[in-house]
Amino acid sequence: IAKFAKVDNAQYRLLKNATPGPWTFILEA
């Protein structure tokens, strides 16, 4: 995810909590 999308600390914490799973996140490419 970090390779293909720009992720800040707050976003990273949310992604860590949610993945893997049935979620699609819109992020800056």
All heavy atoms as atom14 arrays in JSON, in Angstrom:
{
  "sequence": "IAKFAKVDNAQYRLLKNATPGPWTFILEA",
  "atom14_mask": [
    [1, 1, 1, 1, 1, 1, 1, 1, 0, 0, 0, 0, 0, 0],
    [1, 1, 1, 1, 1, 0, 0, 0, 0, 0, 0, 0, 0, 0],
    [1, 1, 1, 1, 1, 1, 1, 1, 1, 0, 0, 0, 0, 0],
    [1, 1, 1, 1, 1, 1, 1, 1, 1, 1, 1, 0, 0, 0],
    [1, 1, 1, 1, 1, 0, 0, 0, 0, 0, 0, 0, 0, 0],
    [1, 1, 1, 1, 1, 1, 1, 1, 1, 0, 0, 0, 0, 0],
    [1, 1, 1, 1, 1, 1, 1, 0, 0, 0, 0, 0, 0, 0],
    [1, 1, 1, 1, 1, 1, 1, 1, 0, 0, 0, 0, 0, 0],
    [1, 1, 1, 1, 1, 1, 1, 1, 0, 0, 0, 0, 0, 0],
    [1, 1, 1, 1, 1, 0, 0, 0, 0, 0, 0, 0, 0, 0],
    [1, 1, 1, 1, 1, 1, 1, 1, 1, 0, 0, 0, 0, 0],
    [1, 1, 1, 1, 1, 1, 1, 1, 1, 1, 1, 1, 0, 0],
    [1, 1, 1, 1, 1, 1, 1, 1, 1, 1, 1, 0, 0, 0],
    [1, 1, 1, 1, 1, 1, 1, 1, 0, 0, 0, 0, 0, 0],
    [1, 1, 1, 1, 1, 1, 1, 1, 0, 0, 0, 0, 0, 0],
    [1, 1, 1, 1, 1, 1, 1, 1, 1, 0, 0, 0, 0, 0],
    [1, 1, 1, 1, 1, 1, 1, 1, 0, 0, 0, 0, 0, 0],
    [1, 1, 1, 1, 1, 0, 0, 0, 0, 0, 0, 0, 0, 0],
    [1, 1, 1, 1, 1, 1, 1, 0, 0, 0, 0, 0, 0, 0],
    [1, 1, 1, 1, 1, 1, 1, 0, 0, 0, 0, 0, 0, 0],
    [1, 1, 1, 1, 0, 0, 0, 0, 0, 0, 0, 0, 0, 0],
    [1, 1, 1, 1, 1, 1, 1, 0, 0, 0, 0, 0, 0, 0],
    [1, 1, 1, 1, 1, 1, 1, 1, 1, 1, 1, 1, 1, 1],
    [1, 1, 1, 1, 1, 1, 1, 0, 0, 0, 0, 0, 0, 0],
    [1, 1, 1, 1, 1, 1, 1, 1, 1, 1, 1, 0, 0, 0],
    [1, 1, 1, 1, 1, 1, 1, 1, 0, 0, 0, 0, 0, 0],
    [1, 1, 1, 1, 1, 1, 1, 1, 0, 0, 0, 0, 0, 0],
    [1, 1, 1, 1, 1, 1, 1, 1, 1, 0, 0, 0, 0, 0],
    [1, 1, 1, 1, 1, 0, 0, 0, 0, 0, 0, 0, 0, 0]
  ],
  "atom14_positions": [
    [[0.85, -1.19, 0.0], [0.0, 0.0, 0.0], [0.88, 1.24, 0.0], [0.66, 2.19, -0.76], [-0.95, 0.02, 1.22], [-2.05, -1.04, 1.06], [-1.59, 1.4, 1.37], [-3.05, -1.06, 2.2], [0.0, 0.0, 0.0], [0.0, 0.0, 0.0], [0.0, 0.0, 0.0], [0.0, 0.0, 0.0], [0.0, 0.0, 0.0], [0.0, 0.0, 0.0]],
    [[1.91, 1.25, 0.86], [2.78, 2.41, 0.98], [3.57, 2.68, -0.3], [3.99, 3.81, -0.55], [3.73, 2.22, 2.16], [0.0, 0.0, 0.0], [0.0, 0.0, 0.0], [0.0, 0.0, 0.0], [0.0, 0.0, 0.0], [0.0, 0.0, 0.0], [0.0, 0.0, 0.0], [0.0, 0.0, 0.0], [0.0, 0.0, 0.0], [0.0, 0.0, 0.0]],
    [[3.77, 1.67, -1.12], [4.47, 1.87, -2.38], [3.6, 2.58, -3.4], [4.08, 3.43, -4.16], [4.95, 0.53, -2.95], [5.66, 0.68, -4.29], [6.13, -0.67, -4.83], [6.84, -0.49, -6.17], [7.27, -1.77, -6.76], [0.0, 0.0, 0.0], [0.0, 0.0, 0.0], [0.0, 0.0, 0.0], [0.0, 0.0, 0.0], [0.0, 0.0, 0.0]],
    [[2.32, 2.26, -3.4], [1.45, 2.77, -4.45], [0.54, 3.92, -4.0], [-0.13, 4.53, -4.84], [0.59, 1.63, -5.0], [1.39, 0.59, -5.73], [1.76, -0.59, -5.1], [1.82, 0.81, -7.02], [2.52, -1.54, -5.76], [2.59, -0.14, -7.7], [2.94, -1.32, -7.06], [0.0, 0.0, 0.0], [0.0, 0.0, 0.0], [0.0, 0.0, 0.0]],
    [[0.52, 4.21, -2.71], [-0.32, 5.3, -2.2], [0.43, 6.07, -1.13], [1.23, 5.51, -0.37], [-1.63, 4.75, -1.64], [0.0, 0.0, 0.0], [0.0, 0.0, 0.0], [0.0, 0.0, 0.0], [0.0, 0.0, 0.0], [0.0, 0.0, 0.0], [0.0, 0.0, 0.0], [0.0, 0.0, 0.0], [0.0, 0.0, 0.0], [0.0, 0.0, 0.0]],
    [[0.17, 7.38, -1.06], [0.75, 8.22, -0.03], [-0.08, 8.1, 1.23], [-1.28, 8.37, 1.22], [0.81, 9.67, -0.51], [1.68, 9.85, -1.76], [1.67, 11.3, -2.25], [2.51, 11.44, -3.53], [2.49, 12.82, -4.04], [0.0, 0.0, 0.0], [0.0, 0.0, 0.0], [0.0, 0.0, 0.0], [0.0, 0.0, 0.0], [0.0, 0.0, 0.0]],
    [[0.56, 7.69, 2.31], [-0.14, 7.37, 3.55], [0.5, 8.12, 4.71], [1.71, 7.99, 4.94], [-0.1, 5.85, 3.83], [-0.81, 5.51, 5.13], [-0.71, 5.07, 2.67], [0.0, 0.0, 0.0], [0.0, 0.0, 0.0], [0.0, 0.0, 0.0], [0.0, 0.0, 0.0], [0.0, 0.0, 0.0], [0.0, 0.0, 0.0], [0.0, 0.0, 0.0]],
    [[-0.3, 8.91, 5.45], [0.23, 9.58, 6.63], [0.02, 8.68, 7.86], [-0.53, 7.57, 7.75], [-0.39, 10.97, 6.83], [-1.9, 10.93, 7.07], [-2.41, 9.9, 7.57], [-2.58, 11.95, 6.78], [0.0, 0.0, 0.0], [0.0, 0.0, 0.0], [0.0, 0.0, 0.0], [0.0, 0.0, 0.0], [0.0, 0.0, 0.0], [0.0, 0.0, 0.0]],
    [[0.44, 9.15, 9.01], [0.41, 8.3, 10.21], [-1.01, 7.89, 10.6], [-1.26, 6.74, 10.97], [1.08, 9.02, 11.38], [2.58, 9.13, 11.2], [3.18, 8.34, 10.46], [3.21, 10.1, 11.86], [0.0, 0.0, 0.0], [0.0, 0.0, 0.0], [0.0, 0.0, 0.0], [0.0, 0.0, 0.0], [0.0, 0.0, 0.0], [0.0, 0.0, 0.0]],
    [[-1.95, 8.85, 10.55], [-3.33, 8.52, 10.92], [-3.93, 7.52, 9.94], [-4.64, 6.58, 10.35], [-4.17, 9.8, 10.97], [0.0, 0.0, 0.0], [0.0, 0.0, 0.0], [0.0, 0.0, 0.0], [0.0, 0.0, 0.0], [0.0, 0.0, 0.0], [0.0, 0.0, 0.0], [0.0, 0.0, 0.0], [0.0, 0.0, 0.0], [0.0, 0.0, 0.0]],
    [[-3.68, 7.72, 8.65], [-4.18, 6.78, 7.65], [-3.57, 5.39, 7.86], [-4.26, 4.37, 7.75], [-3.86, 7.29, 6.26], [-4.64, 8.54, 5.87], [-4.09, 9.19, 4.61], [-2.92, 8.98, 4.24], [-4.91, 9.98, 3.95], [0.0, 0.0, 0.0], [0.0, 0.0, 0.0], [0.0, 0.0, 0.0], [0.0, 0.0, 0.0], [0.0, 0.0, 0.0]],
    [[-2.27, 5.36, 8.18], [-1.59, 4.08, 8.38], [-2.22, 3.29, 9.53], [-2.43, 2.09, 9.43], [-0.11, 4.29, 8.64], [0.67, 3.0, 8.78], [1.17, 2.34, 7.67], [0.88, 2.42, 10.04], [1.87, 1.15, 7.79], [1.57, 1.24, 10.17], [2.06, 0.6, 9.04], [2.75, -0.58, 9.17], [0.0, 0.0, 0.0], [0.0, 0.0, 0.0]],
    [[-2.54, 3.99, 10.62], [-3.14, 3.31, 11.77], [-4.49, 2.7, 11.39], [-4.83, 1.58, 11.79], [-3.29, 4.28, 12.94], [-1.98, 4.63, 13.62], [-2.21, 5.35, 14.93], [-2.83, 6.65, 14.74], [-2.14, 7.79, 14.56], [-0.81, 7.75, 14.53], [-2.78, 8.94, 14.41], [0.0, 0.0, 0.0], [0.0, 0.0, 0.0], [0.0, 0.0, 0.0]],
    [[-5.28, 3.44, 10.62], [-6.58, 2.93, 10.17], [-6.4, 1.73, 9.26], [-7.07, 0.7, 9.4], [-7.37, 4.03, 9.46], [-8.73, 3.62, 8.88], [-9.66, 3.14, 9.98], [-9.36, 4.78, 8.12], [0.0, 0.0, 0.0], [0.0, 0.0, 0.0], [0.0, 0.0, 0.0], [0.0, 0.0, 0.0], [0.0, 0.0, 0.0], [0.0, 0.0, 0.0]],
    [[-5.46, 1.83, 8.32], [-5.22, 0.73, 7.39], [-4.72, -0.52, 8.12], [-5.11, -1.64, 7.79], [-4.19, 1.16, 6.33], [-4.65, 2.24, 5.35], [-3.46, 2.78, 4.56], [-5.7, 1.71, 4.4], [0.0, 0.0, 0.0], [0.0, 0.0, 0.0], [0.0, 0.0, 0.0], [0.0, 0.0, 0.0], [0.0, 0.0, 0.0], [0.0, 0.0, 0.0]],
    [[-3.86, -0.31, 9.11], [-3.34, -1.46, 9.87], [-4.45, -2.17, 10.6], [-4.47, -3.41, 10.7], [-2.27, -0.97, 10.84], [-1.56, -2.11, 11.58], [-0.44, -1.57, 12.46], [0.27, -2.72, 13.16], [1.38, -2.23, 14.03], [0.0, 0.0, 0.0], [0.0, 0.0, 0.0], [0.0, 0.0, 0.0], [0.0, 0.0, 0.0], [0.0, 0.0, 0.0]],
    [[-5.42, -1.4, 11.09], [-6.55, -1.97, 11.82], [-7.53, -2.69, 10.88], [-8.18, -3.66, 11.28], [-7.28, -0.86, 12.57], [-8.36, -1.39, 13.5], [-8.21, -2.45, 14.09], [-9.44, -0.63, 13.64], [0.0, 0.0, 0.0], [0.0, 0.0, 0.0], [0.0, 0.0, 0.0], [0.0, 0.0, 0.0], [0.0, 0.0, 0.0], [0.0, 0.0, 0.0]],
    [[-7.61, -2.24, 9.64], [-8.63, -2.73, 8.71], [-8.16, -3.83, 7.78], [-9.0, -4.53, 7.19], [-9.17, -1.56, 7.89], [0.0, 0.0, 0.0], [0.0, 0.0, 0.0], [0.0, 0.0, 0.0], [0.0, 0.0, 0.0], [0.0, 0.0, 0.0], [0.0, 0.0, 0.0], [0.0, 0.0, 0.0], [0.0, 0.0, 0.0], [0.0, 0.0, 0.0]],
    [[-6.86, -3.99, 7.6], [-6.39, -4.93, 6.59], [-5.78, -6.18, 7.24], [-5.2, -6.1, 8.31], [-5.33, -4.26, 5.7], [-4.25, -3.79, 6.51], [-5.92, -3.11, 4.91], [0.0, 0.0, 0.0], [0.0, 0.0, 0.0], [0.0, 0.0, 0.0], [0.0, 0.0, 0.0], [0.0, 0.0, 0.0], [0.0, 0.0, 0.0], [0.0, 0.0, 0.0]],
    [[-5.95, -7.34, 6.55], [-6.72, -7.52, 5.31], [-8.21, -7.56, 5.6], [-8.62, -7.85, 6.71], [-6.22, -8.87, 4.8], [-5.87, -9.62, 6.06], [-5.31, -8.59, 7.02], [0.0, 0.0, 0.0], [0.0, 0.0, 0.0], [0.0, 0.0, 0.0], [0.0, 0.0, 0.0], [0.0, 0.0, 0.0], [0.0, 0.0, 0.0], [0.0, 0.0, 0.0]],
    [[-9.0, -7.27, 4.58], [-10.44, -7.3, 4.77], [-11.2, -6.68, 3.62], [-10.6, -6.22, 2.64], [0.0, 0.0, 0.0], [0.0, 0.0, 0.0], [0.0, 0.0, 0.0], [0.0, 0.0, 0.0], [0.0, 0.0, 0.0], [0.0, 0.0, 0.0], [0.0, 0.0, 0.0], [0.0, 0.0, 0.0], [0.0, 0.0, 0.0], [0.0, 0.0, 0.0]],
    [[-12.54, -6.64, 3.72], [-13.4, -6.21, 2.6], [-13.55, -4.69, 2.5], [-14.64, -4.16, 2.57], [-14.73, -6.89, 2.93], [-14.77, -6.89, 4.42], [-13.35, -7.12, 4.87], [0.0, 0.0, 0.0], [0.0, 0.0, 0.0], [0.0, 0.0, 0.0], [0.0, 0.0, 0.0], [0.0, 0.0, 0.0], [0.0, 0.0, 0.0], [0.0, 0.0, 0.0]],
    [[-12.42, -4.01, 2.37], [-12.4, -2.56, 2.31], [-11.63, -2.09, 1.09], [-10.6, -2.66, 0.74], [-11.71, -1.98, 3.55], [-12.17, -2.53, 4.84], [-11.66, -3.6, 5.51], [-13.27, -2.06, 5.63], [-12.37, -3.83, 6.66], [-13.35, -2.88, 6.76], [-14.17, -1.01, 5.48], [-14.31, -2.71, 7.74], [-15.13, -0.82, 6.46], [-15.19, -1.67, 7.57]],
    [[-12.12, -1.05, 0.47], [-11.35, -0.34, -0.57], [-11.14, 1.08, -0.06], [-12.09, 1.77, 0.31], [-12.1, -0.31, -1.91], [-12.29, -1.66, -2.37], [-11.31, 0.47, -2.95], [0.0, 0.0, 0.0], [0.0, 0.0, 0.0], [0.0, 0.0, 0.0], [0.0, 0.0, 0.0], [0.0, 0.0, 0.0], [0.0, 0.0, 0.0], [0.0, 0.0, 0.0]],
    [[-9.88, 1.49, -0.05], [-9.54, 2.83, 0.43], [-9.09, 3.7, -0.74], [-8.26, 3.29, -1.55], [-8.43, 2.76, 1.47], [-8.84, 2.04, 2.72], [-8.5, 0.7, 2.91], [-9.59, 2.67, 3.69], [-8.9, 0.02, 4.05], [-9.99, 2.01, 4.84], [-9.64, 0.68, 5.02], [0.0, 0.0, 0.0], [0.0, 0.0, 0.0], [0.0, 0.0, 0.0]],
    [[-9.67, 4.91, -0.82], [-9.26, 5.87, -1.82], [-8.12, 6.7, -1.22], [-8.3, 7.35, -0.19], [-10.42, 6.79, -2.24], [-11.63, 5.95, -2.67], [-9.98, 7.73, -3.37], [-11.4, 5.01, -3.81], [0.0, 0.0, 0.0], [0.0, 0.0, 0.0], [0.0, 0.0, 0.0], [0.0, 0.0, 0.0], [0.0, 0.0, 0.0], [0.0, 0.0, 0.0]],
    [[-6.97, 6.66, -1.88], [-5.78, 7.33, -1.39], [-5.11, 8.08, -2.53], [-5.35, 7.8, -3.71], [-4.8, 6.32, -0.8], [-5.23, 5.63, 0.5], [-4.5, 4.31, 0.68], [-4.97, 6.55, 1.69], [0.0, 0.0, 0.0], [0.0, 0.0, 0.0], [0.0, 0.0, 0.0], [0.0, 0.0, 0.0], [0.0, 0.0, 0.0], [0.0, 0.0, 0.0]],
    [[-4.24, 9.02, -2.17], [-3.47, 9.73, -3.19], [-2.43, 8.78, -3.77], [-1.68, 8.13, -3.06], [-2.78, 10.94, -2.56], [-2.05, 11.81, -3.59], [-1.4, 13.03, -2.97], [-1.64, 13.27, -1.77], [-0.66, 13.72, -3.68], [0.0, 0.0, 0.0], [0.0, 0.0, 0.0], [0.0, 0.0, 0.0], [0.0, 0.0, 0.0], [0.0, 0.0, 0.0]],
    [[-2.41, 8.69, -5.1], [-1.53, 7.74, -5.77], [-0.09, 8.25, -5.81], [0.16, 9.46, -5.92], [-2.02, 7.49, -7.2], [0.0, 0.0, 0.0], [0.0, 0.0, 0.0], [0.0, 0.0, 0.0], [0.0, 0.0, 0.0], [0.0, 0.0, 0.0], [0.0, 0.0, 0.0], [0.0, 0.0, 0.0], [0.0, 0.0, 0.0], [0.0, 0.0, 0.0]]
  ]
}
